[in-house]
Amino acid sequence: MSSPSVKAVLVDDSASSDNSLLPVLKTLLFFTILMITMPIGLYFATKVYVFEGSLGMSNRDSYFYAAIVAVVAVHVVLAMFVYVAWNEGSRQWRDGKQD
């Protein structure tokens, strides 16, 4: 059996890891939702309102250009995620370095 002090240390350690894990999970959930909604929303919005509505393109051409917009949106979301994850990791490294 382990002593109470060892249990207290284990409980405190798991509580601190849960606190640092929650912001990471929130960031991941945010970018997951953004990855799903942004390209699909931009695809249909640009297809209907921009390419067919404003520019008067045919249905076939608007599919092609709206798909390009959706692919660019995916890359933008991925770049934003990498930037946020990089800054978060370097911030945690700097905070850990000061201890």
N, C-alpha and C. Protein backbone atom coordinates (compact mmCIF):
# COMPACT_ATOMS: atom_id res chain seq x y z
N MET A 1 0.83 -1.17 0.00
CA MET A 1 0.00 0.00 0.00
C MET A 1 0.88 1.24 0.00
N SER A 2 0.37 2.28 -0.59
CA SER A 2 1.13 3.51 -0.66
C SER A 2 0.71 4.45 0.46
N SER A 3 1.61 5.31 0.82
CA SER A 3 1.33 6.24 1.91
C SER A 3 0.42 7.36 1.43
N PRO A 4 -0.26 8.04 2.35
CA PRO A 4 -1.16 9.13 1.96
C PRO A 4 -0.46 10.27 1.23
N SER A 5 0.79 10.53 1.56
CA SER A 5 1.50 11.63 0.89
C SER A 5 1.73 11.32 -0.58
N VAL A 6 1.98 10.05 -0.91
CA VAL A 6 2.16 9.67 -2.30
C VAL A 6 0.85 9.82 -3.05
N LYS A 7 -0.26 9.44 -2.43
CA LYS A 7 -1.56 9.61 -3.05
C LYS A 7 -1.88 11.08 -3.28
N ALA A 8 -1.54 11.92 -2.32
CA ALA A 8 -1.81 13.35 -2.46
C ALA A 8 -1.00 13.93 -3.62
N VAL A 9 0.23 13.51 -3.77
CA VAL A 9 1.07 13.99 -4.87
C VAL A 9 0.49 13.52 -6.19
N LEU A 10 0.05 12.27 -6.27
CA LEU A 10 -0.54 11.75 -7.50
C LEU A 10 -1.82 12.49 -7.85
N VAL A 11 -2.65 12.78 -6.88
CA VAL A 11 -3.89 13.50 -7.13
C VAL A 11 -3.59 14.91 -7.59
N ASP A 12 -2.64 15.58 -6.93
CA ASP A 12 -2.28 16.94 -7.33
C ASP A 12 -1.69 16.97 -8.73
N ASP A 13 -0.88 15.97 -9.06
CA ASP A 13 -0.26 15.93 -10.38
C ASP A 13 -1.32 15.72 -11.46
N SER A 14 -2.28 14.85 -11.23
CA SER A 14 -3.32 14.62 -12.23
C SER A 14 -4.23 15.83 -12.36
N ALA A 15 -4.48 16.55 -11.28
CA ALA A 15 -5.31 17.74 -11.35
C ALA A 15 -4.62 18.83 -12.16
N SER A 16 -3.31 18.98 -12.01
CA SER A 16 -2.60 20.00 -12.78
C SER A 16 -2.53 19.63 -14.26
N SER A 17 -2.41 18.34 -14.56
CA SER A 17 -2.40 17.95 -15.97
C SER A 17 -3.77 18.11 -16.59
N ASP A 18 -4.85 17.91 -15.83
CA ASP A 18 -6.19 18.16 -16.35
C ASP A 18 -6.40 19.63 -16.64
N ASN A 19 -5.88 20.50 -15.79
CA ASN A 19 -6.02 21.93 -16.00
C ASN A 19 -5.26 22.39 -17.24
N SER A 20 -4.13 21.81 -17.53
CA SER A 20 -3.38 22.19 -18.72
C SER A 20 -3.93 21.51 -19.97
N LEU A 21 -4.66 20.44 -19.80
CA LEU A 21 -5.23 19.72 -20.94
C LEU A 21 -6.51 20.37 -21.44
N LEU A 22 -7.26 21.01 -20.58
CA LEU A 22 -8.54 21.60 -20.96
C LEU A 22 -8.40 22.68 -22.02
N PRO A 23 -7.47 23.63 -21.91
CA PRO A 23 -7.33 24.63 -22.99
C PRO A 23 -6.91 24.01 -24.32
N VAL A 24 -6.11 22.97 -24.26
CA VAL A 24 -5.69 22.30 -25.48
C VAL A 24 -6.88 21.63 -26.15
N LEU A 25 -7.72 20.98 -25.37
CA LEU A 25 -8.91 20.34 -25.93
C LEU A 25 -9.89 21.37 -26.49
N LYS A 26 -10.02 22.51 -25.81
CA LYS A 26 -10.90 23.57 -26.32
C LYS A 26 -10.39 24.11 -27.64
N THR A 27 -9.08 24.29 -27.75
CA THR A 27 -8.50 24.76 -29.00
C THR A 27 -8.71 23.75 -30.11
N LEU A 28 -8.49 22.49 -29.81
CA LEU A 28 -8.70 21.43 -30.79
C LEU A 28 -10.15 21.36 -31.24
N LEU A 29 -11.09 21.45 -30.31
CA LEU A 29 -12.50 21.42 -30.65
C LEU A 29 -12.88 22.62 -31.50
N PHE A 30 -12.38 23.80 -31.16
CA PHE A 30 -12.67 25.01 -31.93
C PHE A 30 -12.20 24.86 -33.37
N PHE A 31 -10.97 24.40 -33.56
CA PHE A 31 -10.46 24.27 -34.92
C PHE A 31 -11.10 23.11 -35.67
N THR A 32 -11.55 22.08 -34.97
CA THR A 32 -12.27 21.00 -35.63
C THR A 32 -13.59 21.51 -36.19
N ILE A 33 -14.32 22.26 -35.38
CA ILE A 33 -15.60 22.83 -35.84
C ILE A 33 -15.35 23.81 -36.99
N LEU A 34 -14.31 24.63 -36.85
CA LEU A 34 -13.98 25.58 -37.90
C LEU A 34 -13.58 24.86 -39.19
N MET A 35 -12.88 23.74 -39.07
CA MET A 35 -12.45 22.98 -40.24
C MET A 35 -13.64 22.39 -40.99
N ILE A 36 -14.70 22.07 -40.27
CA ILE A 36 -15.88 21.50 -40.92
C ILE A 36 -16.77 22.58 -41.51
N THR A 37 -17.04 23.63 -40.73
CA THR A 37 -18.03 24.61 -41.15
C THR A 37 -17.51 25.64 -42.15
N MET A 38 -16.29 26.10 -41.98
CA MET A 38 -15.79 27.18 -42.83
C MET A 38 -15.67 26.79 -44.31
N PRO A 39 -15.03 25.69 -44.66
CA PRO A 39 -14.95 25.35 -46.09
C PRO A 39 -16.32 25.05 -46.72
N ILE A 40 -17.17 24.34 -45.98
CA ILE A 40 -18.48 24.01 -46.54
C ILE A 40 -19.32 25.28 -46.70
N GLY A 41 -19.30 26.13 -45.69
CA GLY A 41 -20.06 27.38 -45.77
C GLY A 41 -19.55 28.28 -46.89
N LEU A 42 -18.23 28.41 -46.99
CA LEU A 42 -17.67 29.23 -48.06
C LEU A 42 -17.93 28.64 -49.44
N TYR A 43 -17.93 27.32 -49.54
CA TYR A 43 -18.21 26.69 -50.82
C TYR A 43 -19.59 27.09 -51.33
N PHE A 44 -20.60 26.87 -50.51
CA PHE A 44 -21.96 27.16 -50.95
C PHE A 44 -22.22 28.66 -51.08
N ALA A 45 -21.66 29.46 -50.18
CA ALA A 45 -21.88 30.91 -50.24
C ALA A 45 -21.24 31.50 -51.50
N THR A 46 -20.00 31.12 -51.78
CA THR A 46 -19.36 31.68 -52.97
C THR A 46 -19.96 31.14 -54.25
N LYS A 47 -20.39 29.89 -54.24
CA LYS A 47 -21.01 29.30 -55.43
C LYS A 47 -22.28 30.04 -55.80
N VAL A 48 -23.17 30.22 -54.81
CA VAL A 48 -24.48 30.80 -55.09
C VAL A 48 -24.41 32.32 -55.25
N TYR A 49 -23.77 32.98 -54.28
CA TYR A 49 -23.83 34.44 -54.25
C TYR A 49 -22.76 35.14 -55.07
N VAL A 50 -21.56 34.59 -55.09
CA VAL A 50 -20.47 35.28 -55.79
C VAL A 50 -20.37 34.84 -57.24
N PHE A 51 -20.15 33.55 -57.45
CA PHE A 51 -19.86 33.09 -58.81
C PHE A 51 -21.09 33.02 -59.70
N GLU A 52 -22.22 32.51 -59.19
CA GLU A 52 -23.43 32.47 -60.01
C GLU A 52 -24.20 33.79 -59.94
N GLY A 53 -24.31 34.36 -58.74
CA GLY A 53 -25.11 35.57 -58.57
C GLY A 53 -24.44 36.82 -59.11
N SER A 54 -23.30 37.16 -58.57
CA SER A 54 -22.63 38.42 -58.95
C SER A 54 -21.90 38.33 -60.28
N LEU A 55 -21.18 37.25 -60.49
CA LEU A 55 -20.36 37.13 -61.69
C LEU A 55 -21.09 36.47 -62.86
N GLY A 56 -22.24 35.86 -62.63
CA GLY A 56 -23.05 35.26 -63.69
C GLY A 56 -22.43 34.05 -64.36
N MET A 57 -21.64 33.28 -63.62
CA MET A 57 -21.01 32.08 -64.19
C MET A 57 -22.03 30.96 -64.32
N SER A 58 -21.71 30.00 -65.16
CA SER A 58 -22.58 28.83 -65.30
C SER A 58 -22.47 27.96 -64.05
N ASN A 59 -23.42 27.04 -63.93
CA ASN A 59 -23.44 26.13 -62.78
C ASN A 59 -22.17 25.30 -62.73
N ARG A 60 -21.72 24.84 -63.88
CA ARG A 60 -20.53 23.99 -63.95
C ARG A 60 -19.26 24.76 -63.55
N ASP A 61 -19.11 25.98 -64.03
CA ASP A 61 -17.92 26.77 -63.68
C ASP A 61 -17.93 27.17 -62.21
N SER A 62 -19.11 27.47 -61.68
CA SER A 62 -19.18 27.90 -60.28
C SER A 62 -18.80 26.77 -59.33
N TYR A 63 -19.09 25.51 -59.68
CA TYR A 63 -18.64 24.38 -58.86
C TYR A 63 -17.12 24.37 -58.74
N PHE A 64 -16.47 24.56 -59.86
CA PHE A 64 -15.01 24.50 -59.90
C PHE A 64 -14.37 25.60 -59.05
N TYR A 65 -14.81 26.83 -59.24
CA TYR A 65 -14.20 27.95 -58.51
C TYR A 65 -14.58 27.94 -57.03
N ALA A 66 -15.78 27.50 -56.71
CA ALA A 66 -16.17 27.40 -55.30
C ALA A 66 -15.35 26.31 -54.60
N ALA A 67 -15.02 25.24 -55.30
CA ALA A 67 -14.17 24.20 -54.71
C ALA A 67 -12.77 24.74 -54.43
N ILE A 68 -12.27 25.58 -55.30
CA ILE A 68 -10.96 26.20 -55.06
C ILE A 68 -11.00 27.06 -53.80
N VAL A 69 -12.08 27.82 -53.63
CA VAL A 69 -12.23 28.66 -52.44
C VAL A 69 -12.27 27.78 -51.19
N ALA A 70 -12.97 26.65 -51.25
CA ALA A 70 -13.06 25.75 -50.10
C ALA A 70 -11.69 25.15 -49.75
N VAL A 71 -10.93 24.79 -50.75
CA VAL A 71 -9.59 24.23 -50.50
C VAL A 71 -8.67 25.28 -49.88
N VAL A 72 -8.75 26.50 -50.36
CA VAL A 72 -7.96 27.59 -49.77
C VAL A 72 -8.38 27.80 -48.31
N ALA A 73 -9.68 27.72 -48.04
CA ALA A 73 -10.17 27.89 -46.66
C ALA A 73 -9.62 26.79 -45.75
N VAL A 74 -9.55 25.57 -46.23
CA VAL A 74 -8.98 24.47 -45.44
C VAL A 74 -7.53 24.78 -45.10
N HIS A 75 -6.78 25.26 -46.06
CA HIS A 75 -5.37 25.57 -45.82
C HIS A 75 -5.22 26.74 -44.84
N VAL A 76 -6.10 27.70 -44.91
CA VAL A 76 -6.05 28.83 -43.97
C VAL A 76 -6.32 28.36 -42.55
N VAL A 77 -7.34 27.50 -42.38
CA VAL A 77 -7.65 26.98 -41.05
C VAL A 77 -6.49 26.14 -40.52
N LEU A 78 -5.90 25.32 -41.35
CA LEU A 78 -4.75 24.52 -40.92
C LEU A 78 -3.57 25.40 -40.52
N ALA A 79 -3.33 26.45 -41.28
CA ALA A 79 -2.23 27.36 -40.94
C ALA A 79 -2.51 28.07 -39.62
N MET A 80 -3.75 28.46 -39.39
CA MET A 80 -4.10 29.10 -38.13
C MET A 80 -3.92 28.14 -36.97
N PHE A 81 -4.31 26.87 -37.16
CA PHE A 81 -4.15 25.88 -36.10
C PHE A 81 -2.67 25.66 -35.77
N VAL A 82 -1.85 25.55 -36.79
CA VAL A 82 -0.41 25.35 -36.56
C VAL A 82 0.18 26.55 -35.84
N TYR A 83 -0.22 27.75 -36.22
CA TYR A 83 0.28 28.96 -35.57
C TYR A 83 -0.11 28.99 -34.09
N VAL A 84 -1.39 28.70 -33.80
CA VAL A 84 -1.85 28.71 -32.40
C VAL A 84 -1.17 27.61 -31.60
N ALA A 85 -1.06 26.42 -32.18
CA ALA A 85 -0.41 25.32 -31.47
C ALA A 85 1.06 25.61 -31.23
N TRP A 86 1.72 26.21 -32.19
CA TRP A 86 3.14 26.54 -32.03
C TRP A 86 3.33 27.56 -30.91
N ASN A 87 2.51 28.60 -30.92
CA ASN A 87 2.63 29.63 -29.88
C ASN A 87 2.27 29.08 -28.50
N GLU A 88 1.28 28.21 -28.44
CA GLU A 88 0.90 27.62 -27.16
C GLU A 88 2.01 26.72 -26.63
N GLY A 89 2.62 25.95 -27.50
CA GLY A 89 3.72 25.07 -27.08
C GLY A 89 4.93 25.85 -26.63
N SER A 90 5.26 26.92 -27.34
CA SER A 90 6.42 27.71 -26.93
C SER A 90 6.14 28.46 -25.64
N ARG A 91 4.88 28.86 -25.42
CA ARG A 91 4.53 29.54 -24.17
C ARG A 91 4.65 28.56 -23.00
N GLN A 92 4.17 27.33 -23.18
CA GLN A 92 4.29 26.33 -22.12
C GLN A 92 5.75 25.99 -21.86
N TRP A 93 6.57 25.98 -22.90
CA TRP A 93 7.99 25.69 -22.72
C TRP A 93 8.65 26.81 -21.92
N ARG A 94 8.32 28.07 -22.25
CA ARG A 94 8.90 29.21 -21.51
C ARG A 94 8.43 29.19 -20.07
N ASP A 95 7.16 28.88 -19.82
CA ASP A 95 6.65 28.82 -18.45
C ASP A 95 7.33 27.70 -17.66
N GLY A 96 7.51 26.56 -18.29
CA GLY A 96 8.18 25.45 -17.64
C GLY A 96 9.64 25.72 -17.40
N LYS A 97 10.26 26.51 -18.27
CA LYS A 97 11.68 26.82 -18.15
C LYS A 97 11.95 27.71 -16.94
N GLN A 98 10.98 28.54 -16.54
CA GLN A 98 11.17 29.46 -15.42
C GLN A 98 11.09 28.75 -14.08
N ASP A 99 10.48 27.57 -14.01
CA ASP A 99 10.33 26.87 -12.74
C ASP A 99 11.62 26.43 -12.15
